[in-house]
mmCIF file of all heavy atoms, coordinates in Angstrom:
data_MODEL
# 
_entry.id   MODEL 
# 
loop_
_atom_site.group_PDB 
_atom_site.id 
_atom_site.type_symbol 
_atom_site.label_atom_id 
_atom_site.label_alt_id 
_atom_site.label_comp_id 
_atom_site.label_asym_id 
_atom_site.label_entity_id 
_atom_site.label_seq_id 
_atom_site.pdbx_PDB_ins_code 
_atom_site.Cartn_x 
_atom_site.Cartn_y 
_atom_site.Cartn_z 
_atom_site.occupancy 
_atom_site.B_iso_or_equiv 
_atom_site.pdbx_formal_charge 
_atom_site.auth_seq_id 
_atom_site.auth_comp_id 
_atom_site.auth_asym_id 
_atom_site.auth_atom_id 
_atom_site.pdbx_PDB_model_num 
ATOM 1   N N   . ALA A 1 1  ? 0.849  -1.197  0.000  1.00 0.00 ? 1  ALA A N   1 
ATOM 2   C CA  . ALA A 1 1  ? 0.000  0.000   0.000  1.00 0.00 ? 1  ALA A CA  1 
ATOM 3   C C   . ALA A 1 1  ? 0.880  1.241   0.000  1.00 0.00 ? 1  ALA A C   1 
ATOM 4   O O   . ALA A 1 1  ? 1.885  1.307   0.714  1.00 0.00 ? 1  ALA A O   1 
ATOM 5   C CB  . ALA A 1 1  ? -0.912 0.019   1.227  1.00 0.00 ? 1  ALA A CB  1 
ATOM 6   N N   . PRO A 1 2  ? 0.529  2.254   -0.798 1.00 0.00 ? 2  PRO A N   1 
ATOM 7   C CA  . PRO A 1 2  ? 1.260  3.527   -0.758 1.00 0.00 ? 2  PRO A CA  1 
ATOM 8   C C   . PRO A 1 2  ? 1.112  4.184   0.608  1.00 0.00 ? 2  PRO A C   1 
ATOM 9   O O   . PRO A 1 2  ? 0.053  4.083   1.246  1.00 0.00 ? 2  PRO A O   1 
ATOM 10  C CB  . PRO A 1 2  ? 0.579  4.366   -1.847 1.00 0.00 ? 2  PRO A CB  1 
ATOM 11  C CG  . PRO A 1 2  ? -0.136 3.385   -2.716 1.00 0.00 ? 2  PRO A CG  1 
ATOM 12  C CD  . PRO A 1 2  ? -0.537 2.267   -1.820 1.00 0.00 ? 2  PRO A CD  1 
ATOM 13  N N   . PHE A 1 3  ? 2.137  4.863   1.047  1.00 0.00 ? 3  PHE A N   1 
ATOM 14  C CA  . PHE A 1 3  ? 2.101  5.498   2.363  1.00 0.00 ? 3  PHE A CA  1 
ATOM 15  C C   . PHE A 1 3  ? 1.000  6.551   2.458  1.00 0.00 ? 3  PHE A C   1 
ATOM 16  O O   . PHE A 1 3  ? 0.428  6.746   3.531  1.00 0.00 ? 3  PHE A O   1 
ATOM 17  C CB  . PHE A 1 3  ? 3.463  6.131   2.690  1.00 0.00 ? 3  PHE A CB  1 
ATOM 18  C CG  . PHE A 1 3  ? 4.459  5.158   3.231  1.00 0.00 ? 3  PHE A CG  1 
ATOM 19  C CD1 . PHE A 1 3  ? 5.377  4.539   2.400  1.00 0.00 ? 3  PHE A CD1 1 
ATOM 20  C CD2 . PHE A 1 3  ? 4.477  4.833   4.583  1.00 0.00 ? 3  PHE A CD2 1 
ATOM 21  C CE1 . PHE A 1 3  ? 6.298  3.623   2.899  1.00 0.00 ? 3  PHE A CE1 1 
ATOM 22  C CE2 . PHE A 1 3  ? 5.391  3.919   5.090  1.00 0.00 ? 3  PHE A CE2 1 
ATOM 23  C CZ  . PHE A 1 3  ? 6.302  3.313   4.252  1.00 0.00 ? 3  PHE A CZ  1 
ATOM 24  N N   . ASP A 1 4  ? 0.695  7.219   1.348  1.00 0.00 ? 4  ASP A N   1 
ATOM 25  C CA  . ASP A 1 4  ? -0.327 8.267   1.430  1.00 0.00 ? 4  ASP A CA  1 
ATOM 26  C C   . ASP A 1 4  ? -1.732 7.697   1.606  1.00 0.00 ? 4  ASP A C   1 
ATOM 27  O O   . ASP A 1 4  ? -2.673 8.438   1.884  1.00 0.00 ? 4  ASP A O   1 
ATOM 28  C CB  . ASP A 1 4  ? -0.264 9.198   0.221  1.00 0.00 ? 4  ASP A CB  1 
ATOM 29  C CG  . ASP A 1 4  ? -0.554 8.492   -1.102 1.00 0.00 ? 4  ASP A CG  1 
ATOM 30  O OD1 . ASP A 1 4  ? -0.825 7.273   -1.083 1.00 0.00 ? 4  ASP A OD1 1 
ATOM 31  O OD2 . ASP A 1 4  ? -0.515 9.153   -2.147 1.00 0.00 ? 4  ASP A OD2 1 
ATOM 32  N N   . GLN A 1 5  ? -1.875 6.374   1.453  1.00 0.00 ? 5  GLN A N   1 
ATOM 33  C CA  . GLN A 1 5  ? -3.157 5.730   1.740  1.00 0.00 ? 5  GLN A CA  1 
ATOM 34  C C   . GLN A 1 5  ? -3.223 5.189   3.166  1.00 0.00 ? 5  GLN A C   1 
ATOM 35  O O   . GLN A 1 5  ? -4.276 4.735   3.617  1.00 0.00 ? 5  GLN A O   1 
ATOM 36  C CB  . GLN A 1 5  ? -3.409 4.595   0.748  1.00 0.00 ? 5  GLN A CB  1 
ATOM 37  C CG  . GLN A 1 5  ? -3.593 5.056   -0.686 1.00 0.00 ? 5  GLN A CG  1 
ATOM 38  C CD  . GLN A 1 5  ? -3.883 3.925   -1.640 1.00 0.00 ? 5  GLN A CD  1 
ATOM 39  O OE1 . GLN A 1 5  ? -4.217 2.808   -1.224 1.00 0.00 ? 5  GLN A OE1 1 
ATOM 40  N NE2 . GLN A 1 5  ? -3.745 4.178   -2.932 1.00 0.00 ? 5  GLN A NE2 1 
ATOM 41  N N   . LEU A 1 6  ? -2.090 5.221   3.850  1.00 0.00 ? 6  LEU A N   1 
ATOM 42  C CA  . LEU A 1 6  ? -2.028 4.712   5.217  1.00 0.00 ? 6  LEU A CA  1 
ATOM 43  C C   . LEU A 1 6  ? -1.991 5.822   6.260  1.00 0.00 ? 6  LEU A C   1 
ATOM 44  O O   . LEU A 1 6  ? -2.505 5.668   7.367  1.00 0.00 ? 6  LEU A O   1 
ATOM 45  C CB  . LEU A 1 6  ? -0.786 3.830   5.391  1.00 0.00 ? 6  LEU A CB  1 
ATOM 46  C CG  . LEU A 1 6  ? -0.722 2.579   4.508  1.00 0.00 ? 6  LEU A CG  1 
ATOM 47  C CD1 . LEU A 1 6  ? 0.653  1.940   4.606  1.00 0.00 ? 6  LEU A CD1 1 
ATOM 48  C CD2 . LEU A 1 6  ? -1.808 1.589   4.909  1.00 0.00 ? 6  LEU A CD2 1 
ATOM 49  N N   . SER A 1 7  ? -1.354 6.954   5.908  1.00 0.00 ? 7  SER A N   1 
ATOM 50  C CA  . SER A 1 7  ? -1.172 8.012   6.895  1.00 0.00 ? 7  SER A CA  1 
ATOM 51  C C   . SER A 1 7  ? -0.983 9.349   6.202  1.00 0.00 ? 7  SER A C   1 
ATOM 52  O O   . SER A 1 7  ? -0.451 9.416   5.090  1.00 0.00 ? 7  SER A O   1 
ATOM 53  C CB  . SER A 1 7  ? 0.043  7.706   7.781  1.00 0.00 ? 7  SER A CB  1 
ATOM 54  O OG  . SER A 1 7  ? 0.289  8.744   8.690  1.00 0.00 ? 7  SER A OG  1 
ATOM 55  N N   . LEU A 1 8  ? -1.395 10.420  6.880  1.00 0.00 ? 8  LEU A N   1 
ATOM 56  C CA  . LEU A 1 8  ? -1.167 11.776  6.383  1.00 0.00 ? 8  LEU A CA  1 
ATOM 57  C C   . LEU A 1 8  ? 0.172  12.320  6.855  1.00 0.00 ? 8  LEU A C   1 
ATOM 58  O O   . LEU A 1 8  ? 0.576  13.416  6.478  1.00 0.00 ? 8  LEU A O   1 
ATOM 59  C CB  . LEU A 1 8  ? -2.293 12.705  6.854  1.00 0.00 ? 8  LEU A CB  1 
ATOM 60  C CG  . LEU A 1 8  ? -3.697 12.362  6.326  1.00 0.00 ? 8  LEU A CG  1 
ATOM 61  C CD1 . LEU A 1 8  ? -4.722 13.303  6.939  1.00 0.00 ? 8  LEU A CD1 1 
ATOM 62  C CD2 . LEU A 1 8  ? -3.737 12.433  4.813  1.00 0.00 ? 8  LEU A CD2 1 
ATOM 63  N N   . THR A 1 9  ? 0.856  11.569  7.699  1.00 0.00 ? 9  THR A N   1 
ATOM 64  C CA  . THR A 1 9  ? 2.132  12.004  8.246  1.00 0.00 ? 9  THR A CA  1 
ATOM 65  C C   . THR A 1 9  ? 3.238  11.019  7.884  1.00 0.00 ? 9  THR A C   1 
ATOM 66  O O   . THR A 1 9  ? 2.972  9.907   7.426  1.00 0.00 ? 9  THR A O   1 
ATOM 67  C CB  . THR A 1 9  ? 2.059  12.135  9.782  1.00 0.00 ? 9  THR A CB  1 
ATOM 68  O OG1 . THR A 1 9  ? 1.728  10.850  10.333 1.00 0.00 ? 9  THR A OG1 1 
ATOM 69  C CG2 . THR A 1 9  ? 1.003  13.148  10.197 1.00 0.00 ? 9  THR A CG2 1 
ATOM 70  N N   . LYS A 1 10 ? 4.467  11.429  8.101  1.00 0.00 ? 10 LYS A N   1 
ATOM 71  C CA  . LYS A 1 10 ? 5.615  10.567  7.809  1.00 0.00 ? 10 LYS A CA  1 
ATOM 72  C C   . LYS A 1 10 ? 6.049  9.868   9.092  1.00 0.00 ? 10 LYS A C   1 
ATOM 73  O O   . LYS A 1 10 ? 6.475  10.522  10.038 1.00 0.00 ? 10 LYS A O   1 
ATOM 74  C CB  . LYS A 1 10 ? 6.772  11.390  7.233  1.00 0.00 ? 10 LYS A CB  1 
ATOM 75  C CG  . LYS A 1 10 ? 7.990  10.516  6.890  1.00 0.00 ? 10 LYS A CG  1 
ATOM 76  C CD  . LYS A 1 10 ? 9.005  11.274  6.053  1.00 0.00 ? 10 LYS A CD  1 
ATOM 77  C CE  . LYS A 1 10 ? 9.716  12.354  6.836  1.00 0.00 ? 10 LYS A CE  1 
ATOM 78  N NZ  . LYS A 1 10 ? 10.828 12.941  6.054  1.00 0.00 ? 10 LYS A NZ  1 
ATOM 79  N N   . PRO A 1 11 ? 5.960  8.546   9.156  1.00 0.00 ? 11 PRO A N   1 
ATOM 80  C CA  . PRO A 1 11 ? 6.314  7.838   10.392 1.00 0.00 ? 11 PRO A CA  1 
ATOM 81  C C   . PRO A 1 11 ? 7.818  7.776   10.610 1.00 0.00 ? 11 PRO A C   1 
ATOM 82  O O   . PRO A 1 11 ? 8.588  7.621   9.667  1.00 0.00 ? 11 PRO A O   1 
ATOM 83  C CB  . PRO A 1 11 ? 5.741  6.441   10.162 1.00 0.00 ? 11 PRO A CB  1 
ATOM 84  C CG  . PRO A 1 11 ? 5.832  6.266   8.684  1.00 0.00 ? 11 PRO A CG  1 
ATOM 85  C CD  . PRO A 1 11 ? 5.540  7.625   8.095  1.00 0.00 ? 11 PRO A CD  1 
ATOM 86  N N   . ARG A 1 12 ? 8.211  7.898   11.863 1.00 0.00 ? 12 ARG A N   1 
ATOM 87  C CA  . ARG A 1 12 ? 9.609  7.674   12.219 1.00 0.00 ? 12 ARG A CA  1 
ATOM 88  C C   . ARG A 1 12 ? 9.837  6.252   12.712 1.00 0.00 ? 12 ARG A C   1 
ATOM 89  O O   . ARG A 1 12 ? 10.927 5.708   12.602 1.00 0.00 ? 12 ARG A O   1 
ATOM 90  C CB  . ARG A 1 12 ? 10.031 8.679   13.296 1.00 0.00 ? 12 ARG A CB  1 
ATOM 91  C CG  . ARG A 1 12 ? 10.212 10.082  12.781 1.00 0.00 ? 12 ARG A CG  1 
ATOM 92  C CD  . ARG A 1 12 ? 10.665 11.038  13.849 1.00 0.00 ? 12 ARG A CD  1 
ATOM 93  N NE  . ARG A 1 12 ? 9.589  11.392  14.763 1.00 0.00 ? 12 ARG A NE  1 
ATOM 94  C CZ  . ARG A 1 12 ? 9.604  12.486  15.528 1.00 0.00 ? 12 ARG A CZ  1 
ATOM 95  N NH1 . ARG A 1 12 ? 10.631 13.302  15.484 1.00 0.00 ? 12 ARG A NH1 1 
ATOM 96  N NH2 . ARG A 1 12 ? 8.600  12.743  16.337 1.00 0.00 ? 12 ARG A NH2 1 
ATOM 97  N N   . LYS A 1 13 ? 8.763  5.660   13.262 1.00 0.00 ? 13 LYS A N   1 
ATOM 98  C CA  . LYS A 1 13 ? 8.886  4.321   13.833 1.00 0.00 ? 13 LYS A CA  1 
ATOM 99  C C   . LYS A 1 13 ? 7.541  3.602   13.715 1.00 0.00 ? 13 LYS A C   1 
ATOM 100 O O   . LYS A 1 13 ? 6.491  4.199   13.931 1.00 0.00 ? 13 LYS A O   1 
ATOM 101 C CB  . LYS A 1 13 ? 9.292  4.432   15.301 1.00 0.00 ? 13 LYS A CB  1 
ATOM 102 C CG  . LYS A 1 13 ? 9.582  3.106   15.992 1.00 0.00 ? 13 LYS A CG  1 
ATOM 103 C CD  . LYS A 1 13 ? 9.792  3.293   17.495 1.00 0.00 ? 13 LYS A CD  1 
ATOM 104 C CE  . LYS A 1 13 ? 10.959 4.197   17.806 1.00 0.00 ? 13 LYS A CE  1 
ATOM 105 N NZ  . LYS A 1 13 ? 11.161 4.330   19.270 1.00 0.00 ? 13 LYS A NZ  1 
ATOM 106 N N   . LEU A 1 14 ? 7.590  2.311   13.369 1.00 0.00 ? 14 LEU A N   1 
ATOM 107 C CA  . LEU A 1 14 ? 6.403  1.475   13.320 1.00 0.00 ? 14 LEU A CA  1 
ATOM 108 C C   . LEU A 1 14 ? 6.440  0.449   14.449 1.00 0.00 ? 14 LEU A C   1 
ATOM 109 O O   . LEU A 1 14 ? 7.511  -0.010  14.847 1.00 0.00 ? 14 LEU A O   1 
ATOM 110 C CB  . LEU A 1 14 ? 6.298  0.742   11.980 1.00 0.00 ? 14 LEU A CB  1 
ATOM 111 C CG  . LEU A 1 14 ? 6.157  1.586   10.719 1.00 0.00 ? 14 LEU A CG  1 
ATOM 112 C CD1 . LEU A 1 14 ? 5.990  0.675   9.509  1.00 0.00 ? 14 LEU A CD1 1 
ATOM 113 C CD2 . LEU A 1 14 ? 4.997  2.556   10.820 1.00 0.00 ? 14 LEU A CD2 1 
ATOM 114 N N   . ARG A 1 15 ? 5.258  0.104   14.944 1.00 0.00 ? 15 ARG A N   1 
ATOM 115 C CA  . ARG A 1 15 ? 5.134  -0.972  15.918 1.00 0.00 ? 15 ARG A CA  1 
ATOM 116 C C   . ARG A 1 15 ? 4.534  -2.177  15.214 1.00 0.00 ? 15 ARG A C   1 
ATOM 117 O O   . ARG A 1 15 ? 3.492  -2.072  14.570 1.00 0.00 ? 15 ARG A O   1 
ATOM 118 C CB  . ARG A 1 15 ? 4.251  -0.545  17.088 1.00 0.00 ? 15 ARG A CB  1 
ATOM 119 C CG  . ARG A 1 15 ? 4.128  -1.608  18.180 1.00 0.00 ? 15 ARG A CG  1 
ATOM 120 C CD  . ARG A 1 15 ? 3.230  -1.131  19.300 1.00 0.00 ? 15 ARG A CD  1 
ATOM 121 N NE  . ARG A 1 15 ? 3.177  -2.107  20.374 1.00 0.00 ? 15 ARG A NE  1 
ATOM 122 C CZ  . ARG A 1 15 ? 2.381  -2.004  21.442 1.00 0.00 ? 15 ARG A CZ  1 
ATOM 123 N NH1 . ARG A 1 15 ? 1.592  -0.937  21.573 1.00 0.00 ? 15 ARG A NH1 1 
ATOM 124 N NH2 . ARG A 1 15 ? 2.382  -2.942  22.376 1.00 0.00 ? 15 ARG A NH2 1 
ATOM 125 N N   . VAL A 1 16 ? 5.205  -3.313  15.326 1.00 0.00 ? 16 VAL A N   1 
ATOM 126 C CA  . VAL A 1 16 ? 4.780  -4.544  14.663 1.00 0.00 ? 16 VAL A CA  1 
ATOM 127 C C   . VAL A 1 16 ? 4.360  -5.545  15.738 1.00 0.00 ? 16 VAL A C   1 
ATOM 128 O O   . VAL A 1 16 ? 5.170  -5.939  16.580 1.00 0.00 ? 16 VAL A O   1 
ATOM 129 C CB  . VAL A 1 16 ? 5.919  -5.139  13.819 1.00 0.00 ? 16 VAL A CB  1 
ATOM 130 C CG1 . VAL A 1 16 ? 5.461  -6.422  13.121 1.00 0.00 ? 16 VAL A CG1 1 
ATOM 131 C CG2 . VAL A 1 16 ? 6.428  -4.124  12.799 1.00 0.00 ? 16 VAL A CG2 1 
ATOM 132 N N   . GLN A 1 17 ? 3.086  -5.936  15.695 1.00 0.00 ? 17 GLN A N   1 
ATOM 133 C CA  . GLN A 1 17 ? 2.573  -6.937  16.622 1.00 0.00 ? 17 GLN A CA  1 
ATOM 134 C C   . GLN A 1 17 ? 1.972  -8.090  15.822 1.00 0.00 ? 17 GLN A C   1 
ATOM 135 O O   . GLN A 1 17 ? 1.378  -7.883  14.775 1.00 0.00 ? 17 GLN A O   1 
ATOM 136 C CB  . GLN A 1 17 ? 1.505  -6.349  17.532 1.00 0.00 ? 17 GLN A CB  1 
ATOM 137 C CG  . GLN A 1 17 ? 1.980  -5.194  18.396 1.00 0.00 ? 17 GLN A CG  1 
ATOM 138 C CD  . GLN A 1 17 ? 0.868  -4.641  19.254 1.00 0.00 ? 17 GLN A CD  1 
ATOM 139 O OE1 . GLN A 1 17 ? 0.515  -5.209  20.287 1.00 0.00 ? 17 GLN A OE1 1 
ATOM 140 N NE2 . GLN A 1 17 ? 0.299  -3.514  18.831 1.00 0.00 ? 17 GLN A NE2 1 
ATOM 141 N N   . ALA A 1 18 ? 2.132  -9.296  16.341 1.00 0.00 ? 18 ALA A N   1 
ATOM 142 C CA  . ALA A 1 18 ? 1.566  -10.474 15.678 1.00 0.00 ? 18 ALA A CA  1 
ATOM 143 C C   . ALA A 1 18 ? 1.685  -11.656 16.634 1.00 0.00 ? 18 ALA A C   1 
ATOM 144 O O   . ALA A 1 18 ? 2.329  -11.572 17.691 1.00 0.00 ? 18 ALA A O   1 
ATOM 145 C CB  . ALA A 1 18 ? 2.306  -10.775 14.372 1.00 0.00 ? 18 ALA A CB  1 
ATOM 146 N N   . TRP A 1 19 ? 1.046  -12.751 16.242 1.00 0.00 ? 19 TRP A N   1 
ATOM 147 C CA  . TRP A 1 19 ? 1.240  -14.034 16.917 1.00 0.00 ? 19 TRP A CA  1 
ATOM 148 C C   . TRP A 1 19 ? 1.969  -14.947 15.946 1.00 0.00 ? 19 TRP A C   1 
ATOM 149 O O   . TRP A 1 19 ? 1.576  -15.066 14.780 1.00 0.00 ? 19 TRP A O   1 
ATOM 150 C CB  . TRP A 1 19 ? -0.098 -14.633 17.338 1.00 0.00 ? 19 TRP A CB  1 
ATOM 151 C CG  . TRP A 1 19 ? -0.692 -13.900 18.513 1.00 0.00 ? 19 TRP A CG  1 
ATOM 152 C CD1 . TRP A 1 19 ? -1.516 -12.806 18.474 1.00 0.00 ? 19 TRP A CD1 1 
ATOM 153 C CD2 . TRP A 1 19 ? -0.471 -14.195 19.884 1.00 0.00 ? 19 TRP A CD2 1 
ATOM 154 N NE1 . TRP A 1 19 ? -1.815 -12.398 19.751 1.00 0.00 ? 19 TRP A NE1 1 
ATOM 155 C CE2 . TRP A 1 19 ? -1.206 -13.234 20.645 1.00 0.00 ? 19 TRP A CE2 1 
ATOM 156 C CE3 . TRP A 1 19 ? 0.258  -15.169 20.570 1.00 0.00 ? 19 TRP A CE3 1 
ATOM 157 C CZ2 . TRP A 1 19 ? -1.214 -13.231 22.033 1.00 0.00 ? 19 TRP A CZ2 1 
ATOM 158 C CZ3 . TRP A 1 19 ? 0.245  -15.165 21.957 1.00 0.00 ? 19 TRP A CZ3 1 
ATOM 159 C CH2 . TRP A 1 19 ? -0.485 -14.217 22.680 1.00 0.00 ? 19 TRP A CH2 1 
ATOM 160 N N   . VAL A 1 20 ? 3.049  -15.562 16.417 1.00 0.00 ? 20 VAL A N   1 
ATOM 161 C CA  . VAL A 1 20 ? 3.865  -16.420 15.556 1.00 0.00 ? 20 VAL A CA  1 
ATOM 162 C C   . VAL A 1 20 ? 4.036  -17.798 16.191 1.00 0.00 ? 20 VAL A C   1 
ATOM 163 O O   . VAL A 1 20 ? 4.121  -17.934 17.412 1.00 0.00 ? 20 VAL A O   1 
ATOM 164 C CB  . VAL A 1 20 ? 5.244  -15.786 15.271 1.00 0.00 ? 20 VAL A CB  1 
ATOM 165 C CG1 . VAL A 1 20 ? 5.096  -14.528 14.441 1.00 0.00 ? 20 VAL A CG1 1 
ATOM 166 C CG2 . VAL A 1 20 ? 6.001  -15.476 16.557 1.00 0.00 ? 20 VAL A CG2 1 
ATOM 167 N N   . TRP A 1 21 ? 4.067  -18.788 15.331 1.00 0.00 ? 21 TRP A N   1 
ATOM 168 C CA  . TRP A 1 21 ? 4.304  -20.173 15.740 1.00 0.00 ? 21 TRP A CA  1 
ATOM 169 C C   . TRP A 1 21 ? 5.613  -20.593 15.090 1.00 0.00 ? 21 TRP A C   1 
ATOM 170 O O   . TRP A 1 21 ? 5.692  -20.784 13.878 1.00 0.00 ? 21 TRP A O   1 
ATOM 171 C CB  . TRP A 1 21 ? 3.157  -21.067 15.268 1.00 0.00 ? 21 TRP A CB  1 
ATOM 172 C CG  . TRP A 1 21 ? 3.075  -22.423 15.916 1.00 0.00 ? 21 TRP A CG  1 
ATOM 173 C CD1 . TRP A 1 21 ? 2.273  -22.793 16.961 1.00 0.00 ? 21 TRP A CD1 1 
ATOM 174 C CD2 . TRP A 1 21 ? 3.788  -23.615 15.526 1.00 0.00 ? 21 TRP A CD2 1 
ATOM 175 N NE1 . TRP A 1 21 ? 2.450  -24.126 17.260 1.00 0.00 ? 21 TRP A NE1 1 
ATOM 176 C CE2 . TRP A 1 21 ? 3.376  -24.656 16.385 1.00 0.00 ? 21 TRP A CE2 1 
ATOM 177 C CE3 . TRP A 1 21 ? 4.734  -23.888 14.542 1.00 0.00 ? 21 TRP A CE3 1 
ATOM 178 C CZ2 . TRP A 1 21 ? 3.873  -25.958 16.292 1.00 0.00 ? 21 TRP A CZ2 1 
ATOM 179 C CZ3 . TRP A 1 21 ? 5.246  -25.178 14.448 1.00 0.00 ? 21 TRP A CZ3 1 
ATOM 180 C CH2 . TRP A 1 21 ? 4.810  -26.194 15.311 1.00 0.00 ? 21 TRP A CH2 1 
ATOM 181 N N   . VAL A 1 22 ? 6.667  -20.681 15.912 1.00 0.00 ? 22 VAL A N   1 
ATOM 182 C CA  . VAL A 1 22 ? 8.012  -20.973 15.415 1.00 0.00 ? 22 VAL A CA  1 
ATOM 183 C C   . VAL A 1 22 ? 8.354  -22.420 15.775 1.00 0.00 ? 22 VAL A C   1 
ATOM 184 O O   . VAL A 1 22 ? 8.294  -22.800 16.948 1.00 0.00 ? 22 VAL A O   1 
ATOM 185 C CB  . VAL A 1 22 ? 9.054  -20.014 16.028 1.00 0.00 ? 22 VAL A CB  1 
ATOM 186 C CG1 . VAL A 1 22 ? 10.449 -20.308 15.479 1.00 0.00 ? 22 VAL A CG1 1 
ATOM 187 C CG2 . VAL A 1 22 ? 8.662  -18.564 15.758 1.00 0.00 ? 22 VAL A CG2 1 
ATOM 188 N N   . PRO A 1 23 ? 8.727  -23.245 14.797 1.00 0.00 ? 23 PRO A N   1 
ATOM 189 C CA  . PRO A 1 23 ? 8.952  -24.670 15.078 1.00 0.00 ? 23 PRO A CA  1 
ATOM 190 C C   . PRO A 1 23 ? 10.199 -24.959 15.897 1.00 0.00 ? 23 PRO A C   1 
ATOM 191 O O   . PRO A 1 23 ? 10.198 -25.859 16.735 1.00 0.00 ? 23 PRO A O   1 
ATOM 192 C CB  . PRO A 1 23 ? 9.039  -25.295 13.683 1.00 0.00 ? 23 PRO A CB  1 
ATOM 193 C CG  . PRO A 1 23 ? 9.484  -24.175 12.798 1.00 0.00 ? 23 PRO A CG  1 
ATOM 194 C CD  . PRO A 1 23 ? 8.857  -22.942 13.362 1.00 0.00 ? 23 PRO A CD  1 
ATOM 195 N N   . GLU A 1 24 ? 11.277 -24.193 15.648 1.00 0.00 ? 24 GLU A N   1 
ATOM 196 C CA  . GLU A 1 24 ? 12.514 -24.443 16.390 1.00 0.00 ? 24 GLU A CA  1 
ATOM 197 C C   . GLU A 1 24 ? 13.398 -23.199 16.337 1.00 0.00 ? 24 GLU A C   1 
ATOM 198 O O   . GLU A 1 24 ? 13.202 -22.295 15.524 1.00 0.00 ? 24 GLU A O   1 
ATOM 199 C CB  . GLU A 1 24 ? 13.283 -25.650 15.819 1.00 0.00 ? 24 GLU A CB  1 
ATOM 200 C CG  . GLU A 1 24 ? 13.730 -25.504 14.378 1.00 0.00 ? 24 GLU A CG  1 
ATOM 201 C CD  . GLU A 1 24 ? 12.712 -26.064 13.410 1.00 0.00 ? 24 GLU A CD  1 
ATOM 202 O OE1 . GLU A 1 24 ? 12.088 -27.091 13.735 1.00 0.00 ? 24 GLU A OE1 1 
ATOM 203 O OE2 . GLU A 1 24 ? 12.525 -25.480 12.340 1.00 0.00 ? 24 GLU A OE2 1 
# 
């Protein structure tokens, strides 16, 4: 997605959250 469709401002930092299943 283009940034101008996500925010009207320029981000300095993003927060990434998720649930992950790691085998090893």
